[in-house]
């Protein structure tokens, strides 16, 4: 990543009664979303929560997906037209309402 890139984080809070199918997310949802967004995505990471800051504590998030774009315009122009289709796939792998944050990479 380089300074000035746009990072879109999609975080799925963990908790009682919340479900998340990591296999579906990695093998179906992310490739589908990537195919729709196309070359605007410059990098992507998928993370599985395994613990909190204190020893033995639970992770705050079941999973996180991070997408990196050159500019805010490239994100908006690629994601916007496909947002409805991407979001419609969520019930296929989770019952969690994602938390989305858009950030600017500083270092």
PDB file of N, CA and C in Angstrom:
ATOM      1  N   UNK A   1       0.840  -1.167   0.000  1.00  0.00           N
ATOM      2  CA  UNK A   1       0.000   0.000   0.000  1.00  0.00           C
ATOM      3  C   UNK A   1       0.888   1.234   0.000  1.00  0.00           C
ATOM      4  N   UNK A   2       0.339   2.285  -0.546  1.00  0.00           N
ATOM      5  CA  UNK A   2       1.116   3.524  -0.538  1.00  0.00           C
ATOM      6  C   UNK A   2       0.266   4.665  -0.005  1.00  0.00           C
ATOM      7  N   UNK A   3       0.945   5.668   0.485  1.00  0.00           N
ATOM      8  CA  UNK A   3       0.281   6.826   1.076  1.00  0.00           C
ATOM      9  C   UNK A   3      -0.718   7.422   0.088  1.00  0.00           C
ATOM     10  N   UNK A   4      -1.905   7.751   0.609  1.00  0.00           N
ATOM     11  CA  UNK A   4      -2.932   8.376  -0.199  1.00  0.00           C
ATOM     12  C   UNK A   4      -3.957   7.417  -0.773  1.00  0.00           C
ATOM     13  N   UNK A   5      -3.652   6.110  -0.731  1.00  0.00           N
ATOM     14  CA  UNK A   5      -4.636   5.134  -1.228  1.00  0.00           C
ATOM     15  C   UNK A   5      -5.864   5.149  -0.321  1.00  0.00           C
ATOM     16  N   UNK A   6      -6.960   4.654  -0.848  1.00  0.00           N
ATOM     17  CA  UNK A   6      -8.201   4.555  -0.099  1.00  0.00           C
ATOM     18  C   UNK A   6      -8.374   3.099   0.329  1.00  0.00           C
ATOM     19  N   UNK A   7      -8.635   2.914   1.619  1.00  0.00           N
ATOM     20  CA  UNK A   7      -8.860   1.579   2.174  1.00  0.00           C
ATOM     21  C   UNK A   7     -10.321   1.491   2.608  1.00  0.00           C
ATOM     22  N   UNK A   8     -11.014   0.500   2.092  1.00  0.00           N
ATOM     23  CA  UNK A   8     -12.398   0.262   2.484  1.00  0.00           C
ATOM     24  C   UNK A   8     -12.409  -0.992   3.344  1.00  0.00           C
ATOM     25  N   UNK A   9     -12.753  -0.833   4.625  1.00  0.00           N
ATOM     26  CA  UNK A   9     -12.796  -1.950   5.562  1.00  0.00           C
ATOM     27  C   UNK A   9     -14.248  -2.344   5.791  1.00  0.00           C
ATOM     28  N   UNK A  10     -14.520  -3.627   5.623  1.00  0.00           N
ATOM     29  CA  UNK A  10     -15.851  -4.179   5.874  1.00  0.00           C
ATOM     30  C   UNK A  10     -15.679  -5.144   7.041  1.00  0.00           C
ATOM     31  N   UNK A  11     -16.212  -4.748   8.207  1.00  0.00           N
ATOM     32  CA  UNK A  11     -15.988  -5.494   9.440  1.00  0.00           C
ATOM     33  C   UNK A  11     -17.297  -6.116   9.918  1.00  0.00           C
ATOM     34  N   UNK A  12     -17.216  -7.359  10.338  1.00  0.00           N
ATOM     35  CA  UNK A  12     -18.376  -8.126  10.765  1.00  0.00           C
ATOM     36  C   UNK A  12     -18.255  -8.397  12.269  1.00  0.00           C
ATOM     37  N   UNK A  13     -18.953  -7.603  13.111  1.00  0.00           N
ATOM     38  CA  UNK A  13     -18.844  -7.779  14.561  1.00  0.00           C
ATOM     39  C   UNK A  13     -19.237  -9.183  15.018  1.00  0.00           C
ATOM     40  N   UNK A  14     -18.437  -9.738  15.922  1.00  0.00           N
ATOM     41  CA  UNK A  14     -18.712 -11.052  16.505  1.00  0.00           C
ATOM     42  C   UNK A  14     -19.730 -10.882  17.626  1.00  0.00           C
ATOM     43  N   UNK A  15     -20.373 -11.958  17.990  1.00  0.00           N
ATOM     44  CA  UNK A  15     -21.298 -11.916  19.114  1.00  0.00           C
ATOM     45  C   UNK A  15     -22.204 -13.118  19.136  1.00  0.00           C
ATOM     46  N   UNK A  16     -22.902 -13.261  20.243  1.00  0.00           N
ATOM     47  CA  UNK A  16     -23.803 -14.392  20.431  1.00  0.00           C
ATOM     48  C   UNK A  16     -24.883 -14.400  19.354  1.00  0.00           C
ATOM     49  N   UNK A  17     -25.081 -15.549  18.756  1.00  0.00           N
ATOM     50  CA  UNK A  17     -26.112 -15.712  17.739  1.00  0.00           C
ATOM     51  C   UNK A  17     -25.711 -15.245  16.352  1.00  0.00           C
ATOM     52  N   UNK A  18     -24.503 -14.699  16.228  1.00  0.00           N
ATOM     53  CA  UNK A  18     -24.032 -14.226  14.923  1.00  0.00           C
ATOM     54  C   UNK A  18     -23.292 -15.360  14.223  1.00  0.00           C
ATOM     55  N   UNK A  19     -23.550 -15.493  12.915  1.00  0.00           N
ATOM     56  CA  UNK A  19     -22.925 -16.557  12.137  1.00  0.00           C
ATOM     57  C   UNK A  19     -22.159 -15.962  10.965  1.00  0.00           C
ATOM     58  N   UNK A  20     -21.098 -16.650  10.572  1.00  0.00           N
ATOM     59  CA  UNK A  20     -20.269 -16.200   9.454  1.00  0.00           C
ATOM     60  C   UNK A  20     -19.635 -17.418   8.799  1.00  0.00           C
ATOM     61  N   UNK A  21     -19.906 -17.618   7.513  1.00  0.00           N
ATOM     62  CA  UNK A  21     -19.363 -18.744   6.752  1.00  0.00           C
ATOM     63  C   UNK A  21     -18.114 -18.267   6.005  1.00  0.00           C
ATOM     64  N   UNK A  22     -16.954 -18.480   6.616  1.00  0.00           N
ATOM     65  CA  UNK A  22     -15.691 -17.994   6.054  1.00  0.00           C
ATOM     66  C   UNK A  22     -15.391 -18.646   4.706  1.00  0.00           C
ATOM     67  N   UNK A  23     -15.731 -19.917   4.550  1.00  0.00           N
ATOM     68  CA  UNK A  23     -15.462 -20.603   3.283  1.00  0.00           C
ATOM     69  C   UNK A  23     -16.247 -19.945   2.139  1.00  0.00           C
ATOM     70  N   UNK A  24     -17.518 -19.676   2.364  1.00  0.00           N
ATOM     71  CA  UNK A  24     -18.328 -19.019   1.330  1.00  0.00           C
ATOM     72  C   UNK A  24     -17.779 -17.620   1.044  1.00  0.00           C
ATOM     73  N   UNK A  25     -17.454 -16.896   2.111  1.00  0.00           N
ATOM     74  CA  UNK A  25     -16.939 -15.530   1.965  1.00  0.00           C
ATOM     75  C   UNK A  25     -15.674 -15.505   1.100  1.00  0.00           C
ATOM     76  N   UNK A  26     -14.737 -16.391   1.413  1.00  0.00           N
ATOM     77  CA  UNK A  26     -13.457 -16.423   0.687  1.00  0.00           C
ATOM     78  C   UNK A  26     -13.589 -16.965  -0.737  1.00  0.00           C
ATOM     79  N   UNK A  27     -14.413 -17.984  -0.911  1.00  0.00           N
ATOM     80  CA  UNK A  27     -14.446 -18.692  -2.187  1.00  0.00           C
ATOM     81  C   UNK A  27     -15.556 -18.259  -3.136  1.00  0.00           C
ATOM     82  N   UNK A  28     -16.571 -17.566  -2.625  1.00  0.00           N
ATOM     83  CA  UNK A  28     -17.669 -17.156  -3.500  1.00  0.00           C
ATOM     84  C   UNK A  28     -17.946 -15.649  -3.454  1.00  0.00           C
ATOM     85  N   UNK A  29     -18.148 -15.116  -2.243  1.00  0.00           N
ATOM     86  CA  UNK A  29     -18.518 -13.700  -2.158  1.00  0.00           C
ATOM     87  C   UNK A  29     -17.408 -12.767  -2.646  1.00  0.00           C
ATOM     88  N   UNK A  30     -16.221 -12.942  -2.103  1.00  0.00           N
ATOM     89  CA  UNK A  30     -15.121 -12.036  -2.471  1.00  0.00           C
ATOM     90  C   UNK A  30     -14.773 -12.142  -3.958  1.00  0.00           C
ATOM     91  N   UNK A  31     -14.673 -13.342  -4.544  1.00  0.00           N
ATOM     92  CA  UNK A  31     -14.427 -13.403  -5.995  1.00  0.00           C
ATOM     93  C   UNK A  31     -15.558 -12.763  -6.815  1.00  0.00           C
ATOM     94  N   UNK A  32     -16.804 -12.937  -6.381  1.00  0.00           N
ATOM     95  CA  UNK A  32     -17.930 -12.323  -7.085  1.00  0.00           C
ATOM     96  C   UNK A  32     -17.824 -10.802  -7.022  1.00  0.00           C
ATOM     97  N   UNK A  33     -17.592 -10.273  -5.818  1.00  0.00           N
ATOM     98  CA  UNK A  33     -17.466  -8.827  -5.650  1.00  0.00           C
ATOM     99  C   UNK A  33     -16.266  -8.300  -6.442  1.00  0.00           C
ATOM    100  N   UNK A  34     -15.146  -9.010  -6.385  1.00  0.00           N
ATOM    101  CA  UNK A  34     -13.961  -8.595  -7.130  1.00  0.00           C
ATOM    102  C   UNK A  34     -14.201  -8.567  -8.623  1.00  0.00           C
ATOM    103  N   UNK A  35     -14.944  -9.539  -9.122  1.00  0.00           N
ATOM    104  CA  UNK A  35     -15.267  -9.564 -10.545  1.00  0.00           C
ATOM    105  C   UNK A  35     -16.118  -8.383 -10.958  1.00  0.00           C
ATOM    106  N   UNK A  36     -17.017  -7.962 -10.080  1.00  0.00           N
ATOM    107  CA  UNK A  36     -17.868  -6.811 -10.386  1.00  0.00           C
ATOM    108  C   UNK A  36     -17.092  -5.497 -10.305  1.00  0.00           C
ATOM    109  N   UNK A  37     -16.240  -5.375  -9.294  1.00  0.00           N
ATOM    110  CA  UNK A  37     -15.485  -4.130  -9.086  1.00  0.00           C
ATOM    111  C   UNK A  37     -14.353  -4.006 -10.099  1.00  0.00           C
ATOM    112  N   UNK A  38     -13.731  -5.120 -10.448  1.00  0.00           N
ATOM    113  CA  UNK A  38     -12.702  -5.125 -11.480  1.00  0.00           C
ATOM    114  C   UNK A  38     -11.357  -4.602 -11.038  1.00  0.00           C
ATOM    115  N   UNK A  39     -10.632  -4.037 -11.988  1.00  0.00           N
ATOM    116  CA  UNK A  39      -9.254  -3.598 -11.774  1.00  0.00           C
ATOM    117  C   UNK A  39      -9.107  -2.404 -10.844  1.00  0.00           C
ATOM    118  N   UNK A  40     -10.211  -1.796 -10.439  1.00  0.00           N
ATOM    119  CA  UNK A  40     -10.125  -0.664  -9.515  1.00  0.00           C
ATOM    120  C   UNK A  40      -9.548  -1.099  -8.176  1.00  0.00           C
ATOM    121  N   UNK A  41      -9.759  -2.364  -7.797  1.00  0.00           N
ATOM    122  CA  UNK A  41      -9.186  -2.887  -6.555  1.00  0.00           C
ATOM    123  C   UNK A  41      -7.716  -3.189  -6.790  1.00  0.00           C
ATOM    124  N   UNK A  42      -6.866  -2.538  -6.018  1.00  0.00           N
ATOM    125  CA  UNK A  42      -5.421  -2.715  -6.179  1.00  0.00           C
ATOM    126  C   UNK A  42      -4.854  -3.766  -5.239  1.00  0.00           C
ATOM    127  N   UNK A  43      -5.543  -4.023  -4.125  1.00  0.00           N
ATOM    128  CA  UNK A  43      -5.121  -5.047  -3.168  1.00  0.00           C
ATOM    129  C   UNK A  43      -6.328  -5.409  -2.315  1.00  0.00           C
ATOM    130  N   UNK A  44      -6.250  -6.592  -1.716  1.00  0.00           N
ATOM    131  CA  UNK A  44      -7.349  -7.099  -0.917  1.00  0.00           C
ATOM    132  C   UNK A  44      -6.800  -7.992   0.176  1.00  0.00           C
ATOM    133  N   UNK A  45      -7.356  -7.870   1.369  1.00  0.00           N
ATOM    134  CA  UNK A  45      -7.024  -8.807   2.441  1.00  0.00           C
ATOM    135  C   UNK A  45      -8.319  -9.290   3.080  1.00  0.00           C
ATOM    136  N   UNK A  46      -8.281 -10.520   3.561  1.00  0.00           N
ATOM    137  CA  UNK A  46      -9.378 -11.097   4.321  1.00  0.00           C
ATOM    138  C   UNK A  46      -8.778 -11.566   5.641  1.00  0.00           C
ATOM    139  N   UNK A  47      -9.444 -11.197   6.735  1.00  0.00           N
ATOM    140  CA  UNK A  47      -8.948 -11.547   8.060  1.00  0.00           C
ATOM    141  C   UNK A  47     -10.034 -12.252   8.855  1.00  0.00           C
ATOM    142  N   UNK A  48      -9.642 -13.264   9.624  1.00  0.00           N
ATOM    143  CA  UNK A  48     -10.545 -13.986  10.509  1.00  0.00           C
ATOM    144  C   UNK A  48     -10.185 -13.628  11.949  1.00  0.00           C
ATOM    145  N   UNK A  49     -11.163 -13.163  12.713  1.00  0.00           N
ATOM    146  CA  UNK A  49     -10.914 -12.823  14.107  1.00  0.00           C
ATOM    147  C   UNK A  49     -10.634 -14.063  14.933  1.00  0.00           C
ATOM    148  N   UNK A  50      -9.546 -14.015  15.715  1.00  0.00           N
ATOM    149  CA  UNK A  50      -9.191 -15.172  16.545  1.00  0.00           C
ATOM    150  C   UNK A  50      -9.037 -14.819  18.025  1.00  0.00           C
ATOM    151  N   UNK A  51      -9.049 -13.546  18.377  1.00  0.00           N
ATOM    152  CA  UNK A  51      -8.928 -13.179  19.785  1.00  0.00           C
ATOM    153  C   UNK A  51      -8.878 -11.683  19.966  1.00  0.00           C
ATOM    154  N   UNK A  52      -9.122 -11.260  21.204  1.00  0.00           N
ATOM    155  CA  UNK A  52      -9.058  -9.847  21.549  1.00  0.00           C
ATOM    156  C   UNK A  52      -7.697  -9.478  22.102  1.00  0.00           C
ATOM    157  N   UNK A  53      -7.583  -8.258  22.605  1.00  0.00           N
ATOM    158  CA  UNK A  53      -6.307  -7.772  23.114  1.00  0.00           C
ATOM    159  C   UNK A  53      -5.849  -8.453  24.388  1.00  0.00           C
ATOM    160  N   UNK A  54      -6.784  -8.821  25.244  1.00  0.00           N
ATOM    161  CA  UNK A  54      -6.441  -9.488  26.501  1.00  0.00           C
ATOM    162  C   UNK A  54      -6.341 -11.000  26.268  1.00  0.00           C
ATOM    163  N   UNK A  55      -5.387 -11.647  26.910  1.00  0.00           N
ATOM    164  CA  UNK A  55      -5.254 -13.097  26.746  1.00  0.00           C
ATOM    165  C   UNK A  55      -6.576 -13.819  27.032  1.00  0.00           C
ATOM    166  N   UNK A  56      -6.963 -14.689  26.121  1.00  0.00           N
ATOM    167  CA  UNK A  56      -8.176 -15.471  26.290  1.00  0.00           C
ATOM    168  C   UNK A  56      -9.478 -14.759  25.950  1.00  0.00           C
ATOM    169  N   UNK A  57      -9.403 -13.490  25.576  1.00  0.00           N
ATOM    170  CA  UNK A  57     -10.634 -12.764  25.250  1.00  0.00           C
ATOM    171  C   UNK A  57     -11.050 -13.055  23.805  1.00  0.00           C
ATOM    172  N   UNK A  58     -12.326 -12.838  23.552  1.00  0.00           N
ATOM    173  CA  UNK A  58     -12.873 -13.097  22.224  1.00  0.00           C
ATOM    174  C   UNK A  58     -12.567 -11.956  21.259  1.00  0.00           C
ATOM    175  N   UNK A  59     -12.515 -12.285  19.993  1.00  0.00           N
ATOM    176  CA  UNK A  59     -12.290 -11.273  18.946  1.00  0.00           C
ATOM    177  C   UNK A  59     -13.503 -10.341  18.865  1.00  0.00           C
ATOM    178  N   UNK A  60     -13.262  -9.084  18.594  1.00  0.00           N
ATOM    179  CA  UNK A  60     -14.354  -8.121  18.419  1.00  0.00           C
ATOM    180  C   UNK A  60     -15.084  -8.350  17.108  1.00  0.00           C
ATOM    181  N   UNK A  61     -14.359  -8.855  16.114  1.00  0.00           N
ATOM    182  CA  UNK A  61     -14.925  -9.063  14.787  1.00  0.00           C
ATOM    183  C   UNK A  61     -14.727 -10.514  14.361  1.00  0.00           C
ATOM    184  N   UNK A  62     -15.779 -11.106  13.773  1.00  0.00           N
ATOM    185  CA  UNK A  62     -15.679 -12.458  13.237  1.00  0.00           C
ATOM    186  C   UNK A  62     -14.776 -12.467  12.019  1.00  0.00           C
ATOM    187  N   UNK A  63     -14.868 -11.386  11.230  1.00  0.00           N
ATOM    188  CA  UNK A  63     -14.077 -11.284  10.000  1.00  0.00           C
ATOM    189  C   UNK A  63     -13.973  -9.830   9.579  1.00  0.00           C
ATOM    190  N   UNK A  64     -12.965  -9.566   8.750  1.00  0.00           N
ATOM    191  CA  UNK A  64     -12.781  -8.249   8.149  1.00  0.00           C
ATOM    192  C   UNK A  64     -12.290  -8.429   6.725  1.00  0.00           C
ATOM    193  N   UNK A  65     -12.829  -7.651   5.832  1.00  0.00           N
ATOM    194  CA  UNK A  65     -12.335  -7.589   4.469  1.00  0.00           C
ATOM    195  C   UNK A  65     -11.845  -6.178   4.207  1.00  0.00           C
ATOM    196  N   UNK A  66     -10.685  -6.049   3.602  1.00  0.00           N
ATOM    197  CA  UNK A  66     -10.108  -4.737   3.311  1.00  0.00           C
ATOM    198  C   UNK A  66      -9.784  -4.650   1.831  1.00  0.00           C
ATOM    199  N   UNK A  67     -10.285  -3.610   1.200  1.00  0.00           N
ATOM    200  CA  UNK A  67     -10.048  -3.384  -0.222  1.00  0.00           C
ATOM    201  C   UNK A  67      -9.323  -2.056  -0.382  1.00  0.00           C
ATOM    202  N   UNK A  68      -8.351  -2.030  -1.259  1.00  0.00           N
ATOM    203  CA  UNK A  68      -7.538  -0.833  -1.473  1.00  0.00           C
ATOM    204  C   UNK A  68      -7.738  -0.303  -2.886  1.00  0.00           C
ATOM    205  N   UNK A  69      -7.925   1.011  -2.985  1.00  0.00           N
ATOM    206  CA  UNK A  69      -8.158   1.692  -4.254  1.00  0.00           C
ATOM    207  C   UNK A  69      -7.189   2.860  -4.374  1.00  0.00           C
ATOM    208  N   UNK A  70      -6.862   3.249  -5.604  1.00  0.00           N
ATOM    209  CA  UNK A  70      -5.962   4.391  -5.825  1.00  0.00           C
ATOM    210  C   UNK A  70      -6.575   5.700  -5.321  1.00  0.00           C
ATOM    211  N   UNK A  71      -7.867   5.893  -5.608  1.00  0.00           N
ATOM    212  CA  UNK A  71      -8.527   7.154  -5.261  1.00  0.00           C
ATOM    213  C   UNK A  71      -9.951   6.889  -4.787  1.00  0.00           C
ATOM    214  N   UNK A  72     -10.553   7.885  -4.156  1.00  0.00           N
ATOM    215  CA  UNK A  72     -11.942   7.788  -3.750  1.00  0.00           C
ATOM    216  C   UNK A  72     -12.838   7.650  -4.978  1.00  0.00           C
ATOM    217  N   UNK A  73     -12.510   8.360  -6.040  1.00  0.00           N
ATOM    218  CA  UNK A  73     -13.305   8.253  -7.275  1.00  0.00           C
ATOM    219  C   UNK A  73     -13.279   6.837  -7.832  1.00  0.00           C
ATOM    220  N   UNK A  74     -12.117   6.191  -7.828  1.00  0.00           N
ATOM    221  CA  UNK A  74     -12.045   4.834  -8.370  1.00  0.00           C
ATOM    222  C   UNK A  74     -12.878   3.872  -7.518  1.00  0.00           C
ATOM    223  N   UNK A  75     -12.903   4.086  -6.201  1.00  0.00           N
ATOM    224  CA  UNK A  75     -13.757   3.276  -5.340  1.00  0.00           C
ATOM    225  C   UNK A  75     -15.233   3.521  -5.668  1.00  0.00           C
ATOM    226  N   UNK A  76     -15.646   4.775  -5.659  1.00  0.00           N
ATOM    227  CA  UNK A  76     -17.053   5.109  -5.867  1.00  0.00           C
ATOM    228  C   UNK A  76     -17.546   4.676  -7.245  1.00  0.00           C
ATOM    229  N   UNK A  77     -16.721   4.872  -8.261  1.00  0.00           N
ATOM    230  CA  UNK A  77     -17.133   4.523  -9.625  1.00  0.00           C
ATOM    231  C   UNK A  77     -17.214   3.013  -9.856  1.00  0.00           C
ATOM    232  N   UNK A  78     -16.440   2.244  -9.110  1.00  0.00           N
ATOM    233  CA  UNK A  78     -16.463   0.789  -9.302  1.00  0.00           C
ATOM    234  C   UNK A  78     -17.435   0.101  -8.347  1.00  0.00           C
ATOM    235  N   UNK A  79     -17.517   0.565  -7.122  1.00  0.00           N
ATOM    236  CA  UNK A  79     -18.377  -0.084  -6.137  1.00  0.00           C
ATOM    237  C   UNK A  79     -19.829   0.382  -6.248  1.00  0.00           C
ATOM    238  N   UNK A  80     -20.023   1.661  -6.416  1.00  0.00           N
ATOM    239  CA  UNK A  80     -21.375   2.232  -6.437  1.00  0.00           C
ATOM    240  C   UNK A  80     -22.355   1.510  -7.341  1.00  0.00           C
ATOM    241  N   UNK A  81     -22.028   1.313  -8.616  1.00  0.00           N
ATOM    242  CA  UNK A  81     -22.959   0.651  -9.527  1.00  0.00           C
ATOM    243  C   UNK A  81     -23.215  -0.820  -9.177  1.00  0.00           C
ATOM    244  N   UNK A  82     -22.371  -1.415  -8.342  1.00  0.00           N
ATOM    245  CA  UNK A  82     -22.477  -2.837  -8.004  1.00  0.00           C
ATOM    246  C   UNK A  82     -22.864  -3.089  -6.552  1.00  0.00           C
ATOM    247  N   UNK A  83     -23.048  -2.033  -5.777  1.00  0.00           N
ATOM    248  CA  UNK A  83     -23.303  -2.163  -4.343  1.00  0.00           C
ATOM    249  C   UNK A  83     -24.526  -3.026  -4.044  1.00  0.00           C
ATOM    250  N   UNK A  84     -25.594  -2.830  -4.766  1.00  0.00           N
ATOM    251  CA  UNK A  84     -26.825  -3.571  -4.491  1.00  0.00           C
ATOM    252  C   UNK A  84     -26.616  -5.080  -4.665  1.00  0.00           C
ATOM    253  N   UNK A  85     -25.958  -5.468  -5.727  1.00  0.00           N
ATOM    254  CA  UNK A  85     -25.719  -6.898  -5.987  1.00  0.00           C
ATOM    255  C   UNK A  85     -24.765  -7.483  -4.947  1.00  0.00           C
ATOM    256  N   UNK A  86     -23.730  -6.742  -4.592  1.00  0.00           N
ATOM    257  CA  UNK A  86     -22.762  -7.216  -3.600  1.00  0.00           C
ATOM    258  C   UNK A  86     -23.433  -7.387  -2.242  1.00  0.00           C
ATOM    259  N   UNK A  87     -24.194  -6.387  -1.826  1.00  0.00           N
ATOM    260  CA  UNK A  87     -24.859  -6.443  -0.521  1.00  0.00           C
ATOM    261  C   UNK A  87     -25.953  -7.514  -0.487  1.00  0.00           C
ATOM    262  N   UNK A  88     -26.583  -7.798  -1.608  1.00  0.00           N
ATOM    263  CA  UNK A  88     -27.641  -8.810  -1.664  1.00  0.00           C
ATOM    264  C   UNK A  88     -27.098 -10.210  -1.389  1.00  0.00           C
ATOM    265  N   UNK A  89     -25.798 -10.415  -1.527  1.00  0.00           N
ATOM    266  CA  UNK A  89     -25.189 -11.724  -1.295  1.00  0.00           C
ATOM    267  C   UNK A  89     -24.907 -11.976   0.187  1.00  0.00           C
ATOM    268  N   UNK A  90     -24.943 -10.956   1.033  1.00  0.00           N
ATOM    269  CA  UNK A  90     -24.605 -11.116   2.444  1.00  0.00           C
ATOM    270  C   UNK A  90     -25.373 -12.235   3.147  1.00  0.00           C
ATOM    271  N   UNK A  91     -26.684 -12.372   2.959  1.00  0.00           N
ATOM    272  CA  UNK A  91     -27.411 -13.439   3.659  1.00  0.00           C
ATOM    273  C   UNK A  91     -26.930 -14.848   3.301  1.00  0.00           C
ATOM    274  N   UNK A  92     -26.168 -14.985   2.231  1.00  0.00           N
ATOM    275  CA  UNK A  92     -25.634 -16.293   1.865  1.00  0.00           C
ATOM    276  C   UNK A  92     -24.485 -16.743   2.758  1.00  0.00           C
ATOM    277  N   UNK A  93     -23.885 -15.802   3.522  1.00  0.00           N
ATOM    278  CA  UNK A  93     -22.766 -16.208   4.374  1.00  0.00           C
ATOM    279  C   UNK A  93     -22.803 -15.650   5.789  1.00  0.00           C
ATOM    280  N   UNK A  94     -23.717 -14.715   6.084  1.00  0.00           N
ATOM    281  CA  UNK A  94     -23.733 -14.160   7.436  1.00  0.00           C
ATOM    282  C   UNK A  94     -25.096 -13.566   7.781  1.00  0.00           C
ATOM    283  N   UNK A  95     -25.337 -13.476   9.071  1.00  0.00           N
ATOM    284  CA  UNK A  95     -26.505 -12.753   9.574  1.00  0.00           C
ATOM    285  C   UNK A  95     -26.067 -11.464  10.274  1.00  0.00           C
ATOM    286  N   UNK A  96     -24.826 -11.073  10.033  1.00  0.00           N
ATOM    287  CA  UNK A  96     -24.233  -9.895  10.677  1.00  0.00           C
ATOM    288  C   UNK A  96     -24.352  -8.677   9.764  1.00  0.00           C
ATOM    289  N   UNK A  97     -24.776  -7.558  10.331  1.00  0.00           N
ATOM    290  CA  UNK A  97     -24.780  -6.278   9.616  1.00  0.00           C
ATOM    291  C   UNK A  97     -23.344  -5.743   9.649  1.00  0.00           C
ATOM    292  N   UNK A  98     -22.694  -5.601   8.492  1.00  0.00           N
ATOM    293  CA  UNK A  98     -21.296  -5.159   8.510  1.00  0.00           C
ATOM    294  C   UNK A  98     -21.150  -3.687   8.893  1.00  0.00           C
ATOM    295  N   UNK A  99     -20.002  -3.397   9.479  1.00  0.00           N
ATOM    296  CA  UNK A  99     -19.590  -2.025   9.769  1.00  0.00           C
ATOM    297  C   UNK A  99     -18.581  -1.664   8.691  1.00  0.00           C
ATOM    298  N   UNK A 100     -18.817  -0.554   8.007  1.00  0.00           N
ATOM    299  CA  UNK A 100     -17.929  -0.157   6.909  1.00  0.00           C
ATOM    300  C   UNK A 100     -17.218   1.134   7.261  1.00  0.00           C
ATOM    301  N   UNK A 101     -15.917   1.141   7.037  1.00  0.00           N
ATOM    302  CA  UNK A 101     -15.134   2.357   7.250  1.00  0.00           C
ATOM    303  C   UNK A 101     -14.267   2.597   6.026  1.00  0.00           C
ATOM    304  N   UNK A 102     -14.238   3.844   5.589  1.00  0.00           N
ATOM    305  CA  UNK A 102     -13.367   4.254   4.481  1.00  0.00           C
ATOM    306  C   UNK A 102     -12.268   5.113   5.081  1.00  0.00           C
ATOM    307  N   UNK A 103     -11.028   4.747   4.784  1.00  0.00           N
ATOM    308  CA  UNK A 103      -9.866   5.421   5.346  1.00  0.00           C
ATOM    309  C   UNK A 103      -8.883   5.818   4.248  1.00  0.00           C
ATOM    310  N   UNK A 104      -8.037   6.763   4.588  1.00  0.00           N
ATOM    311  CA  UNK A 104      -6.917   7.125   3.718  1.00  0.00           C
ATOM    312  C   UNK A 104      -5.647   6.552   4.309  1.00  0.00           C
ATOM    313  N   UNK A 105      -4.873   5.826   3.519  1.00  0.00           N
ATOM    314  CA  UNK A 105      -3.616   5.247   3.978  1.00  0.00           C
ATOM    315  C   UNK A 105      -2.620   6.394   4.199  1.00  0.00           C
ATOM    316  N   UNK A 106      -2.024   6.428   5.386  1.00  0.00           N
ATOM    317  CA  UNK A 106      -1.077   7.495   5.733  1.00  0.00           C
ATOM    318  C   UNK A 106       0.378   7.035   5.629  1.00  0.00           C
ATOM    319  N   UNK A 107       0.646   5.788   5.849  1.00  0.00           N
ATOM    320  CA  UNK A 107       2.004   5.244   5.741  1.00  0.00           C
ATOM    321  C   UNK A 107       1.949   3.930   5.013  1.00  0.00           C
TER     322      UNK A 107
END
